[in-house]
Amino acid sequence: MTDDNIQVNPAMPGAKALELLSDISTWTNTTTIILHGGSVFEFKGVFPPGEVANGFYNLSGGNGFEGHLNLAKVYSIAFQSKLHRGRESHAFVFQDIREECIFKIFLGRDQDGVLHPIQKQRYLAYQQQYQLGDTA
C-alpha cells in the first residue's frame, strides 16, 4: 500500500448492510463521510443504532447524527484501505448498483491518532471473509 494506492477489495453484498451497521453501532468512535453535490459531510462519533420502519433504517442515536437510510439502495459494501496523510486508513464503502458511493464509515482513532485495534481486527475479519468468497 502506497500513498497513491487505494486498495478496494471484494465487496460484501448489500443485503448484509443491516447486520454490519448493527455491529458498527456497538463500536467506539468512527468517522462517517457523506459525499454529495461536491461537498463532504463528516461525522465523528459512535455510529448510531437504528431500527427498520417504513422501509428505512432509522438512525436514532441521540448524539446529533440521525437519518433514514434506504438499505434497498445499498448494492454492495466495499473494503477500502489506503494511507491517509501517511497513516493507515480503512473504510466500509456503501455503494449503489452503479458502484457509486452512498457513504463511507472509516475506522476510528484514539487520542494519539492510532486506529482502534479492536475495530481494525473486526474490519480485517470482515474483509478476509469476503476475500474468500463467503457471501453468506
N, C-alpha and C. Protein backbone atom coordinates (compact mmCIF):
# COMPACT_ATOMS: atom_id res chain seq x y z
N MET A 1 0.85 -1.17 0.00
CA MET A 1 0.00 0.00 0.00
C MET A 1 0.90 1.23 0.00
N THR A 2 0.69 2.17 -0.94
CA THR A 2 1.44 3.41 -1.00
C THR A 2 0.50 4.58 -0.84
N ASP A 3 1.06 5.79 -0.68
CA ASP A 3 0.22 6.97 -0.53
C ASP A 3 -0.76 7.14 -1.68
N ASP A 4 -0.33 6.78 -2.89
CA ASP A 4 -1.17 6.98 -4.06
C ASP A 4 -2.05 5.78 -4.37
N ASN A 5 -1.91 4.72 -3.61
CA ASN A 5 -2.59 3.48 -3.95
C ASN A 5 -3.73 3.20 -2.97
N ILE A 6 -4.93 3.15 -3.50
CA ILE A 6 -6.10 2.76 -2.71
C ILE A 6 -6.40 1.31 -3.08
N GLN A 7 -6.53 0.49 -2.08
CA GLN A 7 -6.88 -0.90 -2.31
C GLN A 7 -8.36 -1.09 -2.01
N VAL A 8 -9.12 -1.49 -3.01
CA VAL A 8 -10.52 -1.82 -2.80
C VAL A 8 -10.66 -3.29 -3.11
N ASN A 9 -11.06 -4.04 -2.15
CA ASN A 9 -11.12 -5.49 -2.25
C ASN A 9 -12.54 -5.96 -2.54
N PRO A 10 -12.71 -7.26 -2.74
CA PRO A 10 -14.06 -7.78 -2.99
C PRO A 10 -15.06 -7.25 -1.96
N ALA A 11 -16.27 -7.09 -2.42
CA ALA A 11 -17.28 -6.44 -1.60
C ALA A 11 -18.21 -7.42 -0.92
N MET A 12 -18.76 -6.94 0.18
CA MET A 12 -19.81 -7.62 0.91
C MET A 12 -21.13 -7.30 0.19
N PRO A 13 -22.04 -8.23 0.08
CA PRO A 13 -23.33 -7.92 -0.56
C PRO A 13 -24.13 -6.90 0.25
N GLY A 14 -24.84 -6.05 -0.44
CA GLY A 14 -25.64 -5.02 0.22
C GLY A 14 -26.67 -5.59 1.18
N ALA A 15 -27.09 -6.81 0.96
CA ALA A 15 -28.06 -7.45 1.87
C ALA A 15 -27.51 -7.59 3.28
N LYS A 16 -26.19 -7.44 3.44
CA LYS A 16 -25.55 -7.54 4.76
C LYS A 16 -25.45 -6.17 5.45
N ALA A 17 -25.95 -5.11 4.83
CA ALA A 17 -25.81 -3.77 5.39
C ALA A 17 -26.42 -3.64 6.79
N LEU A 18 -27.60 -4.16 6.99
CA LEU A 18 -28.24 -4.05 8.30
C LEU A 18 -27.41 -4.74 9.38
N GLU A 19 -26.94 -5.93 9.09
CA GLU A 19 -26.11 -6.68 10.03
C GLU A 19 -24.82 -5.91 10.35
N LEU A 20 -24.17 -5.38 9.32
CA LEU A 20 -22.92 -4.64 9.52
C LEU A 20 -23.16 -3.36 10.31
N LEU A 21 -24.18 -2.60 9.94
CA LEU A 21 -24.46 -1.34 10.66
C LEU A 21 -24.81 -1.60 12.12
N SER A 22 -25.53 -2.66 12.38
CA SER A 22 -25.86 -3.01 13.76
C SER A 22 -24.59 -3.31 14.55
N ASP A 23 -23.65 -4.00 13.92
CA ASP A 23 -22.38 -4.30 14.57
C ASP A 23 -21.58 -3.01 14.80
N ILE A 24 -21.45 -2.20 13.78
CA ILE A 24 -20.66 -0.97 13.89
C ILE A 24 -21.21 -0.05 14.98
N SER A 25 -22.51 -0.06 15.19
CA SER A 25 -23.09 0.82 16.21
C SER A 25 -22.66 0.44 17.63
N THR A 26 -22.02 -0.72 17.79
CA THR A 26 -21.52 -1.13 19.11
C THR A 26 -20.05 -0.77 19.28
N TRP A 27 -19.42 -0.23 18.25
CA TRP A 27 -18.01 0.13 18.29
C TRP A 27 -17.83 1.49 18.94
N THR A 28 -16.59 1.81 19.28
CA THR A 28 -16.28 3.17 19.74
C THR A 28 -16.33 4.09 18.52
N ASN A 29 -15.85 5.29 18.67
CA ASN A 29 -15.94 6.30 17.62
C ASN A 29 -15.45 5.81 16.26
N THR A 30 -16.18 6.23 15.23
CA THR A 30 -15.82 6.03 13.84
C THR A 30 -15.96 7.39 13.15
N THR A 31 -15.66 7.44 11.87
CA THR A 31 -15.89 8.65 11.09
C THR A 31 -16.75 8.28 9.90
N THR A 32 -17.91 8.91 9.79
CA THR A 32 -18.82 8.68 8.67
C THR A 32 -18.68 9.84 7.70
N ILE A 33 -18.50 9.53 6.42
CA ILE A 33 -18.32 10.52 5.37
C ILE A 33 -19.47 10.38 4.38
N ILE A 34 -20.11 11.50 4.06
CA ILE A 34 -21.15 11.53 3.05
C ILE A 34 -20.71 12.55 2.00
N LEU A 35 -20.59 12.08 0.76
CA LEU A 35 -20.21 12.94 -0.35
C LEU A 35 -21.49 13.26 -1.13
N HIS A 36 -21.77 14.55 -1.29
CA HIS A 36 -22.98 14.90 -2.02
C HIS A 36 -22.83 16.28 -2.65
N GLY A 37 -23.11 16.37 -3.92
CA GLY A 37 -23.12 17.65 -4.61
C GLY A 37 -21.79 18.39 -4.54
N GLY A 38 -20.69 17.67 -4.51
CA GLY A 38 -19.38 18.30 -4.43
C GLY A 38 -18.97 18.71 -3.03
N SER A 39 -19.80 18.35 -2.05
CA SER A 39 -19.49 18.67 -0.65
C SER A 39 -19.19 17.39 0.11
N VAL A 40 -18.47 17.54 1.21
CA VAL A 40 -18.13 16.40 2.06
C VAL A 40 -18.67 16.68 3.45
N PHE A 41 -19.54 15.80 3.92
CA PHE A 41 -20.10 15.90 5.27
C PHE A 41 -19.46 14.82 6.12
N GLU A 42 -19.04 15.17 7.31
CA GLU A 42 -18.27 14.26 8.15
C GLU A 42 -18.86 14.25 9.56
N PHE A 43 -19.02 13.05 10.09
CA PHE A 43 -19.46 12.89 11.47
C PHE A 43 -18.47 12.00 12.19
N LYS A 44 -17.91 12.51 13.28
CA LYS A 44 -17.00 11.70 14.11
C LYS A 44 -17.71 11.41 15.42
N GLY A 45 -17.84 10.15 15.72
CA GLY A 45 -18.52 9.72 16.94
C GLY A 45 -19.00 8.29 16.76
N VAL A 46 -19.73 7.82 17.75
CA VAL A 46 -20.29 6.46 17.67
C VAL A 46 -21.39 6.45 16.62
N PHE A 47 -21.29 5.52 15.66
CA PHE A 47 -22.34 5.40 14.65
C PHE A 47 -23.62 4.97 15.37
N PRO A 48 -24.71 5.71 15.17
CA PRO A 48 -25.92 5.43 15.96
C PRO A 48 -26.61 4.11 15.60
N PRO A 49 -27.22 3.50 16.60
CA PRO A 49 -28.03 2.31 16.32
C PRO A 49 -29.29 2.75 15.58
N GLY A 50 -29.97 1.79 15.03
CA GLY A 50 -31.20 2.12 14.31
C GLY A 50 -32.17 0.97 14.34
N GLU A 51 -33.29 1.21 13.70
CA GLU A 51 -34.30 0.16 13.57
C GLU A 51 -35.01 0.35 12.24
N VAL A 52 -35.49 -0.76 11.70
CA VAL A 52 -36.17 -0.73 10.42
C VAL A 52 -37.64 -0.38 10.65
N ALA A 53 -38.10 0.62 9.92
CA ALA A 53 -39.51 1.02 9.95
C ALA A 53 -39.81 1.83 8.70
N ASN A 54 -40.97 1.63 8.15
CA ASN A 54 -41.44 2.38 6.98
C ASN A 54 -40.45 2.32 5.82
N GLY A 55 -39.77 1.18 5.65
CA GLY A 55 -38.87 0.98 4.53
C GLY A 55 -37.48 1.57 4.69
N PHE A 56 -37.16 2.11 5.84
CA PHE A 56 -35.86 2.72 6.07
C PHE A 56 -35.22 2.17 7.34
N TYR A 57 -33.90 2.28 7.40
CA TYR A 57 -33.16 2.00 8.64
C TYR A 57 -33.00 3.36 9.30
N ASN A 58 -33.74 3.58 10.36
CA ASN A 58 -33.82 4.88 11.01
C ASN A 58 -32.80 4.96 12.14
N LEU A 59 -31.83 5.87 11.97
CA LEU A 59 -30.78 6.08 12.96
C LEU A 59 -31.31 6.97 14.07
N SER A 60 -31.08 6.56 15.30
CA SER A 60 -31.62 7.34 16.41
C SER A 60 -30.68 7.26 17.61
N GLY A 61 -29.49 7.75 17.44
CA GLY A 61 -28.51 7.63 18.49
C GLY A 61 -28.58 8.71 19.54
N GLY A 62 -29.26 9.81 19.27
CA GLY A 62 -29.34 10.89 20.23
C GLY A 62 -28.03 11.65 20.40
N ASN A 63 -27.08 11.45 19.47
CA ASN A 63 -25.78 12.11 19.58
C ASN A 63 -25.57 13.17 18.50
N GLY A 64 -26.64 13.60 17.87
CA GLY A 64 -26.53 14.62 16.84
C GLY A 64 -26.45 14.07 15.43
N PHE A 65 -26.26 12.78 15.28
CA PHE A 65 -26.21 12.17 13.95
C PHE A 65 -27.42 11.27 13.84
N GLU A 66 -28.36 11.68 13.01
CA GLU A 66 -29.57 10.90 12.79
C GLU A 66 -29.84 10.84 11.30
N GLY A 67 -30.72 9.98 10.88
CA GLY A 67 -31.07 9.90 9.48
C GLY A 67 -31.89 8.68 9.18
N HIS A 68 -32.20 8.54 7.91
CA HIS A 68 -33.04 7.46 7.43
C HIS A 68 -32.35 6.85 6.22
N LEU A 69 -31.80 5.66 6.38
CA LEU A 69 -31.05 5.01 5.30
C LEU A 69 -31.97 4.08 4.52
N ASN A 70 -31.95 4.23 3.21
CA ASN A 70 -32.70 3.33 2.35
C ASN A 70 -31.79 2.15 2.02
N LEU A 71 -31.85 1.12 2.84
CA LEU A 71 -30.95 -0.02 2.69
C LEU A 71 -31.16 -0.76 1.38
N ALA A 72 -32.34 -0.63 0.77
CA ALA A 72 -32.60 -1.28 -0.51
C ALA A 72 -31.70 -0.72 -1.61
N LYS A 73 -31.17 0.48 -1.41
CA LYS A 73 -30.28 1.11 -2.40
C LYS A 73 -28.83 0.66 -2.25
N VAL A 74 -28.50 -0.01 -1.13
CA VAL A 74 -27.12 -0.47 -0.91
C VAL A 74 -26.94 -1.79 -1.66
N TYR A 75 -26.18 -1.73 -2.75
CA TYR A 75 -25.94 -2.91 -3.58
C TYR A 75 -24.75 -3.72 -3.07
N SER A 76 -23.73 -3.00 -2.59
CA SER A 76 -22.53 -3.68 -2.09
C SER A 76 -21.82 -2.78 -1.08
N ILE A 77 -20.94 -3.40 -0.31
CA ILE A 77 -20.13 -2.68 0.67
C ILE A 77 -18.69 -3.08 0.41
N ALA A 78 -17.92 -2.14 -0.15
CA ALA A 78 -16.53 -2.41 -0.48
C ALA A 78 -15.64 -2.16 0.73
N PHE A 79 -14.46 -2.74 0.69
CA PHE A 79 -13.45 -2.55 1.72
C PHE A 79 -12.36 -1.67 1.14
N GLN A 80 -12.20 -0.49 1.68
CA GLN A 80 -11.19 0.45 1.19
C GLN A 80 -10.06 0.59 2.20
N SER A 81 -8.84 0.36 1.74
CA SER A 81 -7.66 0.52 2.58
C SER A 81 -6.69 1.43 1.86
N LYS A 82 -6.18 2.44 2.57
CA LYS A 82 -5.23 3.36 1.96
C LYS A 82 -4.47 4.09 3.05
N LEU A 83 -3.41 4.74 2.65
CA LEU A 83 -2.72 5.64 3.56
C LEU A 83 -3.38 7.01 3.43
N HIS A 84 -3.65 7.64 4.55
CA HIS A 84 -4.21 8.99 4.56
C HIS A 84 -3.27 9.84 5.41
N ARG A 85 -2.65 10.80 4.76
CA ARG A 85 -1.66 11.65 5.43
C ARG A 85 -0.58 10.80 6.11
N GLY A 86 -0.19 9.75 5.41
CA GLY A 86 0.88 8.88 5.89
C GLY A 86 0.46 7.85 6.92
N ARG A 87 -0.83 7.79 7.23
CA ARG A 87 -1.30 6.83 8.25
C ARG A 87 -2.27 5.83 7.63
N GLU A 88 -2.20 4.62 8.15
CA GLU A 88 -3.10 3.55 7.72
C GLU A 88 -4.55 3.98 7.92
N SER A 89 -5.40 3.67 6.94
CA SER A 89 -6.81 4.03 7.00
C SER A 89 -7.64 2.91 6.36
N HIS A 90 -8.79 2.61 6.96
CA HIS A 90 -9.68 1.57 6.43
C HIS A 90 -11.12 2.07 6.53
N ALA A 91 -11.92 1.73 5.48
CA ALA A 91 -13.32 2.17 5.47
C ALA A 91 -14.20 1.11 4.83
N PHE A 92 -15.44 1.08 5.28
CA PHE A 92 -16.50 0.35 4.62
C PHE A 92 -17.16 1.36 3.67
N VAL A 93 -17.25 1.03 2.39
CA VAL A 93 -17.81 1.93 1.38
C VAL A 93 -19.14 1.36 0.92
N PHE A 94 -20.22 2.01 1.29
CA PHE A 94 -21.57 1.57 0.93
C PHE A 94 -21.88 2.13 -0.46
N GLN A 95 -22.14 1.22 -1.42
CA GLN A 95 -22.28 1.60 -2.82
C GLN A 95 -23.64 1.21 -3.38
N ASP A 96 -24.07 2.00 -4.38
CA ASP A 96 -25.31 1.66 -5.08
C ASP A 96 -25.01 0.70 -6.22
N ILE A 97 -26.01 0.39 -7.01
CA ILE A 97 -25.85 -0.60 -8.08
C ILE A 97 -24.85 -0.16 -9.15
N ARG A 98 -24.62 1.16 -9.27
CA ARG A 98 -23.63 1.69 -10.23
C ARG A 98 -22.23 1.78 -9.62
N GLU A 99 -22.08 1.22 -8.40
CA GLU A 99 -20.83 1.26 -7.64
C GLU A 99 -20.44 2.68 -7.26
N GLU A 100 -21.42 3.57 -7.16
CA GLU A 100 -21.18 4.92 -6.67
C GLU A 100 -21.34 4.94 -5.16
N CYS A 101 -20.51 5.71 -4.51
CA CYS A 101 -20.51 5.77 -3.05
C CYS A 101 -21.77 6.46 -2.52
N ILE A 102 -22.44 5.80 -1.61
CA ILE A 102 -23.56 6.41 -0.89
C ILE A 102 -23.01 7.08 0.36
N PHE A 103 -22.20 6.34 1.13
CA PHE A 103 -21.48 6.88 2.28
C PHE A 103 -20.38 5.92 2.67
N LYS A 104 -19.45 6.40 3.51
CA LYS A 104 -18.34 5.59 3.99
C LYS A 104 -18.29 5.66 5.50
N ILE A 105 -17.86 4.57 6.10
CA ILE A 105 -17.60 4.57 7.54
C ILE A 105 -16.14 4.16 7.73
N PHE A 106 -15.34 5.11 8.24
CA PHE A 106 -13.93 4.86 8.50
C PHE A 106 -13.75 4.40 9.94
N LEU A 107 -12.77 3.52 10.13
CA LEU A 107 -12.41 3.11 11.48
C LEU A 107 -11.97 4.33 12.28
N GLY A 108 -12.27 4.30 13.58
CA GLY A 108 -11.92 5.42 14.44
C GLY A 108 -10.49 5.36 14.95
N ARG A 109 -10.07 6.45 15.55
CA ARG A 109 -8.72 6.58 16.09
C ARG A 109 -8.80 7.03 17.55
N ASP A 110 -7.76 6.68 18.29
CA ASP A 110 -7.68 7.16 19.68
C ASP A 110 -7.11 8.58 19.70
N GLN A 111 -6.89 9.11 20.89
CA GLN A 111 -6.41 10.48 21.05
C GLN A 111 -5.03 10.70 20.44
N ASP A 112 -4.28 9.61 20.21
CA ASP A 112 -2.95 9.71 19.60
C ASP A 112 -2.99 9.47 18.09
N GLY A 113 -4.19 9.30 17.54
CA GLY A 113 -4.33 9.09 16.11
C GLY A 113 -4.12 7.66 15.65
N VAL A 114 -4.10 6.73 16.58
CA VAL A 114 -3.90 5.31 16.26
C VAL A 114 -5.27 4.65 16.07
N LEU A 115 -5.38 3.82 15.03
CA LEU A 115 -6.63 3.10 14.81
C LEU A 115 -6.99 2.28 16.04
N HIS A 116 -8.28 2.24 16.36
CA HIS A 116 -8.73 1.39 17.47
C HIS A 116 -8.45 -0.07 17.08
N PRO A 117 -7.63 -0.77 17.87
CA PRO A 117 -7.22 -2.13 17.49
C PRO A 117 -8.37 -3.12 17.32
N ILE A 118 -9.38 -3.03 18.14
CA ILE A 118 -10.50 -3.97 18.02
C ILE A 118 -11.27 -3.71 16.73
N GLN A 119 -11.45 -2.43 16.38
CA GLN A 119 -12.12 -2.11 15.12
C GLN A 119 -11.33 -2.65 13.93
N LYS A 120 -10.01 -2.46 13.97
CA LYS A 120 -9.17 -2.94 12.88
C LYS A 120 -9.27 -4.46 12.77
N GLN A 121 -9.25 -5.14 13.88
CA GLN A 121 -9.35 -6.59 13.88
C GLN A 121 -10.68 -7.04 13.27
N ARG A 122 -11.76 -6.38 13.64
CA ARG A 122 -13.08 -6.76 13.12
C ARG A 122 -13.20 -6.43 11.63
N TYR A 123 -12.66 -5.26 11.23
CA TYR A 123 -12.67 -4.88 9.82
C TYR A 123 -11.94 -5.93 8.99
N LEU A 124 -10.72 -6.29 9.44
CA LEU A 124 -9.92 -7.26 8.70
C LEU A 124 -10.60 -8.63 8.66
N ALA A 125 -11.32 -8.99 9.70
CA ALA A 125 -12.06 -10.26 9.70
C ALA A 125 -13.17 -10.24 8.65
N TYR A 126 -13.92 -9.12 8.58
CA TYR A 126 -14.95 -9.00 7.53
C TYR A 126 -14.30 -9.07 6.16
N GLN A 127 -13.21 -8.32 5.98
CA GLN A 127 -12.53 -8.27 4.70
C GLN A 127 -12.06 -9.67 4.28
N GLN A 128 -11.46 -10.39 5.19
CA GLN A 128 -10.98 -11.74 4.88
C GLN A 128 -12.14 -12.66 4.52
N GLN A 129 -13.24 -12.55 5.24
CA GLN A 129 -14.40 -13.39 4.97
C GLN A 129 -14.86 -13.22 3.52
N TYR A 130 -14.90 -11.99 3.04
CA TYR A 130 -15.41 -11.74 1.69
C TYR A 130 -14.33 -11.90 0.62
N GLN A 131 -13.06 -11.82 0.98
CA GLN A 131 -11.99 -12.16 0.03
C GLN A 131 -12.03 -13.65 -0.28
N LEU A 132 -12.45 -14.42 0.69
CA LEU A 132 -12.54 -15.88 0.49
C LEU A 132 -13.80 -16.28 -0.26
N GLY A 133 -14.62 -15.28 -0.62
CA GLY A 133 -15.79 -15.56 -1.42
C GLY A 133 -17.02 -15.96 -0.64
N ASP A 134 -17.00 -15.76 0.68
CA ASP A 134 -18.15 -16.12 1.51
C ASP A 134 -19.17 -15.00 1.45
N THR A 135 -20.32 -15.25 0.87
CA THR A 135 -21.37 -14.24 0.78
C THR A 135 -22.53 -14.57 1.71
N ALA A 136 -22.36 -15.56 2.55
CA ALA A 136 -23.45 -15.97 3.45
C ALA A 136 -23.61 -14.99 4.58
